[in-house]
Amino acid sequence: MKYVWGMFILMAMMVVVTLTSEFIFDGEYSAIASWAVVMLFFFGSIFFANARYYLPREK
């Protein structure tokens, strides 16, 4: 279940980055924000896959 929470937090961070870029900075840094969202997704997916595979399962 902790993996699901980790993915939820990652998705929330992606939304915050996008909303910050669009509403606070009026889209001036949208390319940087898009890059940040892609990197968050990429590293989050790698972490999720590694955690599910390598960490021992709880009993």
C-alpha atoms as a PDB file:
ATOM      1  CA  MET A   1       0.000   0.000   0.000  1.00  0.00           C
ATOM      2  CA  LYS A   2       2.932   2.336   0.624  1.00  0.00           C
ATOM      3  CA  TYR A   3       3.811   2.096  -3.072  1.00  0.00           C
ATOM      4  CA  VAL A   4       0.389   3.465  -3.979  1.00  0.00           C
ATOM      5  CA  TRP A   5       0.855   6.386  -1.580  1.00  0.00           C
ATOM      6  CA  GLY A   6       4.237   7.103  -3.123  1.00  0.00           C
ATOM      7  CA  MET A   7       2.728   7.218  -6.604  1.00  0.00           C
ATOM      8  CA  PHE A   8      -0.110   9.439  -5.348  1.00  0.00           C
ATOM      9  CA  ILE A   9       2.386  11.895  -3.844  1.00  0.00           C
ATOM     10  CA  LEU A  10       4.366  11.877  -7.082  1.00  0.00           C
ATOM     11  CA  MET A  11       1.235  12.653  -9.109  1.00  0.00           C
ATOM     12  CA  ALA A  12       0.344  15.465  -6.715  1.00  0.00           C
ATOM     13  CA  MET A  13       3.821  16.944  -7.167  1.00  0.00           C
ATOM     14  CA  MET A  14       3.361  16.807 -10.950  1.00  0.00           C
ATOM     15  CA  VAL A  15       0.073  18.695 -10.680  1.00  0.00           C
ATOM     16  CA  VAL A  16       1.607  21.307  -8.377  1.00  0.00           C
ATOM     17  CA  VAL A  17       4.477  21.908 -10.815  1.00  0.00           C
ATOM     18  CA  THR A  18       2.058  22.319 -13.726  1.00  0.00           C
ATOM     19  CA  LEU A  19      -0.317  24.623 -11.854  1.00  0.00           C
ATOM     20  CA  THR A  20       2.547  26.716 -10.501  1.00  0.00           C
ATOM     21  CA  SER A  21       3.968  27.140 -13.972  1.00  0.00           C
ATOM     22  CA  GLU A  22       0.671  28.148 -15.540  1.00  0.00           C
ATOM     23  CA  PHE A  23      -0.965  30.280 -12.864  1.00  0.00           C
ATOM     24  CA  ILE A  24       1.875  31.821 -10.866  1.00  0.00           C
ATOM     25  CA  PHE A  25       4.445  32.290 -13.632  1.00  0.00           C
ATOM     26  CA  ASP A  26       1.859  32.795 -16.450  1.00  0.00           C
ATOM     27  CA  GLY A  27       3.413  30.084 -18.604  1.00  0.00           C
ATOM     28  CA  GLU A  28       6.836  31.723 -18.901  1.00  0.00           C
ATOM     29  CA  TYR A  29       8.564  28.618 -17.596  1.00  0.00           C
ATOM     30  CA  SER A  30       6.278  26.029 -19.172  1.00  0.00           C
ATOM     31  CA  ALA A  31       9.144  24.225 -20.928  1.00  0.00           C
ATOM     32  CA  ILE A  32      11.050  23.849 -17.661  1.00  0.00           C
ATOM     33  CA  ALA A  33       7.877  22.729 -15.894  1.00  0.00           C
ATOM     34  CA  SER A  34       7.169  20.166 -18.624  1.00  0.00           C
ATOM     35  CA  TRP A  35      10.702  18.840 -18.296  1.00  0.00           C
ATOM     36  CA  ALA A  36      10.297  18.635 -14.509  1.00  0.00           C
ATOM     37  CA  VAL A  37       7.018  16.721 -14.861  1.00  0.00           C
ATOM     38  CA  VAL A  38       8.583  14.247 -17.266  1.00  0.00           C
ATOM     39  CA  MET A  39      11.556  13.709 -14.944  1.00  0.00           C
ATOM     40  CA  LEU A  40       9.260  13.259 -11.919  1.00  0.00           C
ATOM     41  CA  PHE A  41       7.272  10.652 -13.840  1.00  0.00           C
ATOM     42  CA  PHE A  42      10.403   8.886 -15.095  1.00  0.00           C
ATOM     43  CA  PHE A  43      12.176   8.693 -11.738  1.00  0.00           C
ATOM     44  CA  GLY A  44       8.945   7.879  -9.898  1.00  0.00           C
ATOM     45  CA  SER A  45       8.257   4.989 -12.254  1.00  0.00           C
ATOM     46  CA  ILE A  46      11.787   3.659 -11.792  1.00  0.00           C
ATOM     47  CA  PHE A  47      11.495   3.963  -8.014  1.00  0.00           C
ATOM     48  CA  PHE A  48       8.097   2.252  -8.033  1.00  0.00           C
ATOM     49  CA  ALA A  49       9.366  -0.656 -10.149  1.00  0.00           C
ATOM     50  CA  ASN A  50      12.507  -1.086  -8.060  1.00  0.00           C
ATOM     51  CA  ALA A  51      10.642  -0.881  -4.775  1.00  0.00           C
ATOM     52  CA  ARG A  52       8.139  -3.503  -5.841  1.00  0.00           C
ATOM     53  CA  TYR A  53      10.850  -5.826  -7.100  1.00  0.00           C
ATOM     54  CA  TYR A  54      13.700  -5.417  -4.617  1.00  0.00           C
ATOM     55  CA  LEU A  55      12.111  -4.565  -1.275  1.00  0.00           C
ATOM     56  CA  PRO A  56      10.882  -7.555   0.713  1.00  0.00           C
ATOM     57  CA  ARG A  57       7.165  -8.012   0.945  1.00  0.00           C
ATOM     58  CA  GLU A  58       5.465  -7.337   4.251  1.00  0.00           C
ATOM     59  CA  LYS A  59       3.711 -10.257   5.912  1.00  0.00           C
END
